[in-house]
N, C-alpha and C. Protein backbone atom coordinates (compact mmCIF):
# COMPACT_ATOMS: atom_id res chain seq x y z
N MET A 1 79.85 71.55 27.28
CA MET A 1 80.91 71.66 28.46
C MET A 1 82.00 71.79 28.63
N ASP A 2 82.49 73.20 29.21
CA ASP A 2 83.79 73.78 29.66
C ASP A 2 84.52 73.03 29.86
N SER A 3 85.86 72.15 29.83
CA SER A 3 86.20 71.33 30.16
C SER A 3 87.22 71.47 31.74
N ARG A 4 86.74 72.61 32.37
CA ARG A 4 87.58 73.23 33.45
C ARG A 4 86.38 72.62 34.48
N PHE A 5 84.71 72.91 33.78
CA PHE A 5 83.68 72.72 35.07
C PHE A 5 83.45 71.57 35.51
N PRO A 6 83.88 70.43 35.38
CA PRO A 6 83.38 69.14 35.56
C PRO A 6 84.73 69.17 36.71
N ALA A 7 86.01 69.57 36.13
CA ALA A 7 86.72 69.59 37.47
C ALA A 7 86.11 70.40 39.01
N LEU A 8 85.39 71.36 38.43
CA LEU A 8 84.96 72.35 39.66
C LEU A 8 84.32 71.36 40.45
N LEU A 9 83.28 70.82 39.56
CA LEU A 9 82.29 70.23 40.21
C LEU A 9 82.71 68.93 41.13
N ARG A 10 83.77 68.26 40.72
CA ARG A 10 84.27 67.26 41.32
C ARG A 10 85.39 68.30 42.88
N GLY A 11 86.09 69.33 42.75
CA GLY A 11 86.43 69.89 43.70
C GLY A 11 87.77 69.54 43.50
N GLU A 12 88.30 69.46 42.28
CA GLU A 12 89.62 69.63 41.54
C GLU A 12 90.21 70.80 41.28
N LYS A 13 89.22 71.89 41.01
CA LYS A 13 89.30 72.93 40.75
C LYS A 13 89.20 74.49 41.74
N THR A 14 90.30 74.62 42.46
CA THR A 14 90.17 75.72 43.28
C THR A 14 90.50 76.86 43.29
N ASP A 15 90.81 77.39 41.74
CA ASP A 15 91.20 78.77 41.77
C ASP A 15 90.57 79.31 40.01
N THR A 16 90.79 80.46 39.92
CA THR A 16 90.41 80.71 38.93
C THR A 16 91.41 82.11 38.07
N ILE A 17 91.66 82.34 37.22
CA ILE A 17 92.88 83.55 36.46
C ILE A 17 91.47 84.34 36.07
N ARG A 18 91.58 85.71 36.04
CA ARG A 18 90.74 86.40 34.82
C ARG A 18 91.69 87.52 34.85
N LEU A 19 91.43 88.38 33.70
CA LEU A 19 92.58 89.20 33.43
C LEU A 19 91.00 90.36 32.38
N ASP A 20 91.11 91.39 32.97
CA ASP A 20 90.15 92.25 32.18
C ASP A 20 88.33 92.05 32.75
N GLU A 21 88.32 91.41 33.58
CA GLU A 21 87.05 90.76 33.58
C GLU A 21 86.23 91.47 35.08
N GLY A 22 86.84 92.53 35.73
CA GLY A 22 86.01 93.21 36.76
C GLY A 22 86.74 92.59 37.75
N ASP A 23 86.50 93.34 39.03
CA ASP A 23 86.69 92.93 40.08
C ASP A 23 86.25 91.89 40.83
N ILE A 24 86.69 90.61 41.65
CA ILE A 24 85.99 89.66 42.74
C ILE A 24 86.92 90.31 43.65
N GLU A 25 85.67 90.10 44.57
CA GLU A 25 86.30 89.66 45.92
C GLU A 25 85.91 88.29 46.61
N PRO A 26 86.77 88.65 48.30
CA PRO A 26 86.13 87.34 48.96
C PRO A 26 84.53 87.42 49.42
N GLY A 27 83.90 86.08 49.29
CA GLY A 27 82.50 86.09 49.52
C GLY A 27 82.08 84.99 48.24
N PHE A 28 80.82 85.28 47.97
CA PHE A 28 80.48 84.44 47.02
C PHE A 28 80.56 84.07 45.89
N LEU A 29 80.73 83.55 44.93
CA LEU A 29 81.02 83.95 43.58
C LEU A 29 80.67 82.48 42.62
N CYS A 30 79.49 82.66 41.62
CA CYS A 30 78.98 81.61 41.04
C CYS A 30 79.61 81.51 39.47
N TYR A 31 80.24 80.23 39.19
CA TYR A 31 80.24 79.76 37.84
C TYR A 31 79.37 79.75 37.36
N VAL A 32 79.07 80.03 36.12
CA VAL A 32 78.13 79.72 34.98
C VAL A 32 78.69 78.84 33.78
N ASN A 33 78.55 77.50 33.47
CA ASN A 33 78.83 77.22 32.65
C ASN A 33 78.56 77.17 31.14
N TRP A 34 79.18 78.61 30.69
CA TRP A 34 78.28 79.29 29.41
C TRP A 34 78.84 78.30 28.46
N PRO A 35 78.29 77.91 27.09
CA PRO A 35 76.64 78.62 26.91
C PRO A 35 75.73 78.14 27.90
N PHE A 36 76.16 77.11 28.36
CA PHE A 36 74.70 76.54 29.20
C PHE A 36 74.40 77.16 30.54
N GLU A 37 73.92 78.34 29.91
CA GLU A 37 73.67 79.42 31.67
C GLU A 37 72.69 78.61 32.43
N ASP A 38 72.11 77.53 32.46
CA ASP A 38 71.45 76.91 33.70
C ASP A 38 72.23 76.24 34.29
N GLN A 39 73.63 75.66 33.99
CA GLN A 39 74.70 74.91 35.02
C GLN A 39 75.18 76.04 35.54
N ARG A 40 75.04 75.88 36.60
CA ARG A 40 75.85 76.97 37.48
C ARG A 40 76.15 76.49 39.12
N VAL A 41 77.50 76.79 39.33
CA VAL A 41 77.58 76.08 40.97
C VAL A 41 78.34 77.54 41.66
N VAL A 42 77.91 77.54 42.97
CA VAL A 42 78.32 78.96 43.84
C VAL A 42 79.74 78.11 44.73
N VAL A 43 80.82 78.95 44.97
CA VAL A 43 81.64 78.82 45.56
C VAL A 43 81.84 79.72 46.57
N TYR A 44 82.98 79.84 47.23
CA TYR A 44 83.39 80.78 48.07
C TYR A 44 84.65 81.55 48.40
N VAL A 45 84.69 82.34 47.75
CA VAL A 45 86.59 83.19 47.57
C VAL A 45 87.03 83.29 48.58
N THR A 46 87.62 82.94 48.90
CA THR A 46 88.67 82.66 50.00
C THR A 46 90.18 83.79 49.94
N SER A 47 90.58 84.34 48.78
CA SER A 47 92.04 85.07 48.47
C SER A 47 91.64 85.55 46.95
N VAL A 48 92.13 86.74 46.98
CA VAL A 48 92.09 87.52 45.76
C VAL A 48 93.23 88.06 45.86
N GLU A 49 94.36 88.27 44.42
CA GLU A 49 95.21 88.97 44.47
C GLU A 49 95.46 89.27 42.90
N TYR A 50 96.64 90.45 42.79
CA TYR A 50 96.60 90.61 41.12
C TYR A 50 98.19 90.15 41.31
N LEU A 51 98.47 89.46 40.32
CA LEU A 51 100.12 88.93 40.07
C LEU A 51 100.24 88.89 38.61
N PRO A 52 101.87 88.75 38.32
CA PRO A 52 101.78 88.39 36.96
C PRO A 52 102.03 87.43 36.61
N LEU A 53 101.38 86.67 35.56
CA LEU A 53 101.09 85.28 35.28
C LEU A 53 102.34 84.07 35.67
N ARG A 54 103.45 84.50 35.67
CA ARG A 54 104.28 84.05 35.79
C ARG A 54 104.50 83.50 37.17
N GLU A 55 104.03 84.44 38.09
CA GLU A 55 103.85 83.93 39.00
C GLU A 55 102.42 83.14 40.26
N VAL A 56 101.63 83.62 39.46
CA VAL A 56 101.03 82.65 39.11
C VAL A 56 100.95 80.83 38.97
N ALA A 57 101.68 80.78 37.84
CA ALA A 57 101.97 79.52 37.53
C ALA A 57 102.82 78.23 38.54
N GLY A 58 102.84 79.00 39.32
CA GLY A 58 103.77 78.32 40.95
C GLY A 58 102.77 78.38 41.54
N ARG A 59 101.20 78.59 41.56
CA ARG A 59 100.63 78.38 42.52
C ARG A 59 99.25 77.74 42.16
N THR A 60 98.81 78.08 40.88
CA THR A 60 97.71 76.81 40.44
C THR A 60 97.94 75.82 40.09
N ARG A 61 96.96 75.02 39.82
CA ARG A 61 97.14 73.52 39.98
C ARG A 61 95.94 73.24 38.71
N ASP A 62 96.75 72.48 37.56
CA ASP A 62 95.08 72.34 36.60
C ASP A 62 95.26 70.93 36.90
N ASP A 63 93.75 70.54 37.28
CA ASP A 63 93.54 69.13 38.20
C ASP A 63 94.79 68.77 38.77
N VAL A 64 95.77 67.45 38.42
CA VAL A 64 96.59 67.45 39.28
C VAL A 64 98.30 67.62 39.14
N GLU A 65 98.30 68.38 38.24
CA GLU A 65 99.64 68.53 37.49
C GLU A 65 99.48 70.00 37.76
N GLN A 66 100.77 70.61 38.75
CA GLN A 66 101.24 71.95 38.55
C GLN A 66 101.90 72.26 37.13
N PRO A 67 100.88 73.47 36.34
CA PRO A 67 101.95 73.81 34.95
C PRO A 67 102.89 74.76 35.07
N THR A 68 103.89 74.78 33.89
CA THR A 68 104.60 75.26 33.80
C THR A 68 104.21 76.85 33.31
N PRO A 69 105.00 77.52 33.49
CA PRO A 69 104.43 79.22 33.19
C PRO A 69 104.11 79.24 31.61
N GLU A 70 105.08 78.52 30.57
CA GLU A 70 104.79 78.63 29.31
C GLU A 70 103.51 77.82 29.23
N GLU A 71 103.43 76.39 29.82
CA GLU A 71 101.88 75.93 29.73
C GLU A 71 100.80 76.61 30.34
N LEU A 72 100.87 77.39 31.39
CA LEU A 72 100.19 78.35 31.50
C LEU A 72 99.35 79.45 30.65
N LEU A 73 100.85 79.89 30.37
CA LEU A 73 100.53 81.08 28.84
C LEU A 73 99.52 80.45 27.98
N ASP A 74 100.43 79.59 27.12
CA ASP A 74 99.57 78.56 26.32
C ASP A 74 98.60 78.55 26.54
N ARG A 75 97.43 78.08 27.35
CA ARG A 75 96.09 77.95 27.93
C ARG A 75 95.64 79.21 28.19
N MET A 76 96.01 79.79 28.81
CA MET A 76 95.26 81.27 29.00
C MET A 76 95.24 81.78 27.50
N ARG A 77 96.18 81.96 26.55
CA ARG A 77 96.35 82.46 25.25
C ARG A 77 95.00 82.22 24.70
N VAL A 78 94.29 80.99 24.65
CA VAL A 78 93.08 80.49 24.12
C VAL A 78 92.16 81.62 24.44
N TYR A 79 91.69 82.62 25.31
CA TYR A 79 91.42 83.20 25.93
C TYR A 79 91.33 84.57 25.79
N TYR A 80 92.99 84.77 26.11
CA TYR A 80 93.19 86.09 26.13
C TYR A 80 94.62 86.46 25.40
N PRO A 81 94.58 86.36 23.63
CA PRO A 81 95.54 86.07 22.91
C PRO A 81 96.69 86.82 23.37
N GLN A 82 96.34 88.25 23.94
CA GLN A 82 97.53 89.03 24.01
C GLN A 82 98.64 88.83 25.31
N ILE A 83 98.07 88.19 26.21
CA ILE A 83 98.62 87.95 27.61
C ILE A 83 100.15 87.32 27.43
N THR A 84 101.14 87.94 28.15
CA THR A 84 102.16 87.45 28.28
C THR A 84 102.70 87.03 29.96
N LEU A 85 103.61 86.24 30.07
CA LEU A 85 103.82 85.96 31.60
C LEU A 85 104.03 86.99 32.44
N ASP A 86 104.44 88.47 31.89
CA ASP A 86 104.35 89.98 32.82
C ASP A 86 103.05 90.13 33.05
N THR A 87 101.86 89.63 32.07
CA THR A 87 100.51 90.57 32.10
C THR A 87 100.18 90.03 33.80
N VAL A 88 99.77 91.14 34.51
CA VAL A 88 99.13 91.26 35.77
C VAL A 88 97.68 90.58 35.64
N VAL A 89 97.14 89.54 36.44
CA VAL A 89 96.28 89.32 36.28
C VAL A 89 95.58 88.92 37.35
N LEU A 90 94.01 88.76 37.58
CA LEU A 90 93.16 88.52 39.03
C LEU A 90 93.43 86.79 39.11
N TYR A 91 94.33 86.50 40.43
CA TYR A 91 93.92 85.43 40.76
C TYR A 91 93.45 85.17 41.91
N VAL A 92 92.87 84.02 41.93
CA VAL A 92 91.36 83.59 42.75
C VAL A 92 91.42 82.62 43.25
N GLU A 93 91.05 82.56 44.69
CA GLU A 93 91.18 80.81 45.53
C GLU A 93 89.88 80.87 45.79
N HIS A 94 89.41 79.74 45.43
CA HIS A 94 88.42 79.53 46.48
C HIS A 94 87.93 78.20 46.92
N LEU A 95 86.78 77.67 48.08
CA LEU A 95 86.41 76.69 48.38
C LEU A 95 85.59 75.63 47.16
N THR A 96 85.70 74.23 47.51
CA THR A 96 85.32 73.57 46.77
C THR A 96 83.64 73.98 46.68
N PRO A 97 82.69 73.38 45.44
CA PRO A 97 81.11 73.11 45.97
C PRO A 97 81.14 72.80 47.11
N GLU A 98 81.33 71.81 47.54
CA GLU A 98 81.05 71.17 48.77
C GLU A 98 81.27 71.49 49.46
N GLU A 99 82.81 72.05 49.80
CA GLU A 99 83.09 72.80 50.74
C GLU A 99 82.21 73.88 51.35
N THR A 100 82.03 74.59 50.31
CA THR A 100 80.88 75.99 50.43
C THR A 100 79.83 75.85 51.23
N ARG A 101 78.93 74.41 50.38
CA ARG A 101 77.57 73.88 51.13
C ARG A 101 78.42 73.84 52.14
N ARG A 102 78.62 72.55 52.87
CA ARG A 102 79.23 72.15 54.13
C ARG A 102 79.18 73.55 54.66
N ARG A 103 80.41 74.70 54.62
CA ARG A 103 80.14 75.96 55.78
C ARG A 103 79.27 77.03 55.73
N TRP A 104 78.26 76.47 54.93
CA TRP A 104 77.28 77.48 54.77
C TRP A 104 76.20 76.86 54.35
N SER A 105 75.79 75.86 55.04
CA SER A 105 74.82 74.98 54.87
C SER A 105 73.79 75.74 55.63
N GLY A 106 72.73 76.09 55.21
CA GLY A 106 71.23 77.13 55.91
C GLY A 106 71.26 78.72 55.43
N VAL A 107 72.68 79.04 54.34
CA VAL A 107 72.46 80.25 54.28
C VAL A 107 72.47 80.42 52.66
N THR A 108 71.75 81.08 51.96
CA THR A 108 71.16 81.04 50.69
C THR A 108 71.92 82.52 49.79
N PRO A 109 73.04 81.96 48.91
CA PRO A 109 73.57 82.93 48.40
C PRO A 109 73.17 83.93 48.03
N PRO A 110 73.40 85.08 47.66
CA PRO A 110 73.00 85.72 46.82
C PRO A 110 72.97 85.68 45.12
N ASP A 111 72.05 86.00 44.30
CA ASP A 111 71.78 85.57 42.76
C ASP A 111 72.76 86.33 42.12
């Protein structure tokens, strides 16, 4: 299981950073715990910005601690080996799964 998926389920992960994976817009977003594709959770995206990675480090939280730019860079290089602190990334903030369920109870999100 991806180490961030449990934090997402607990409501501790309320943002994501993406690079060259397509646009995300405010609205419903489905996380899939790859390779366990049956493990999915829907959140509601509230904010989307393109920022240099160094600026994202001042906003994102890794569970409880806020990573330094260098710590965030090290973590992101696992997924994107060529990333630098100046690389512009997509920074997405969203509600927790529970907040999403409460806010849209009775509404069926798209697949």
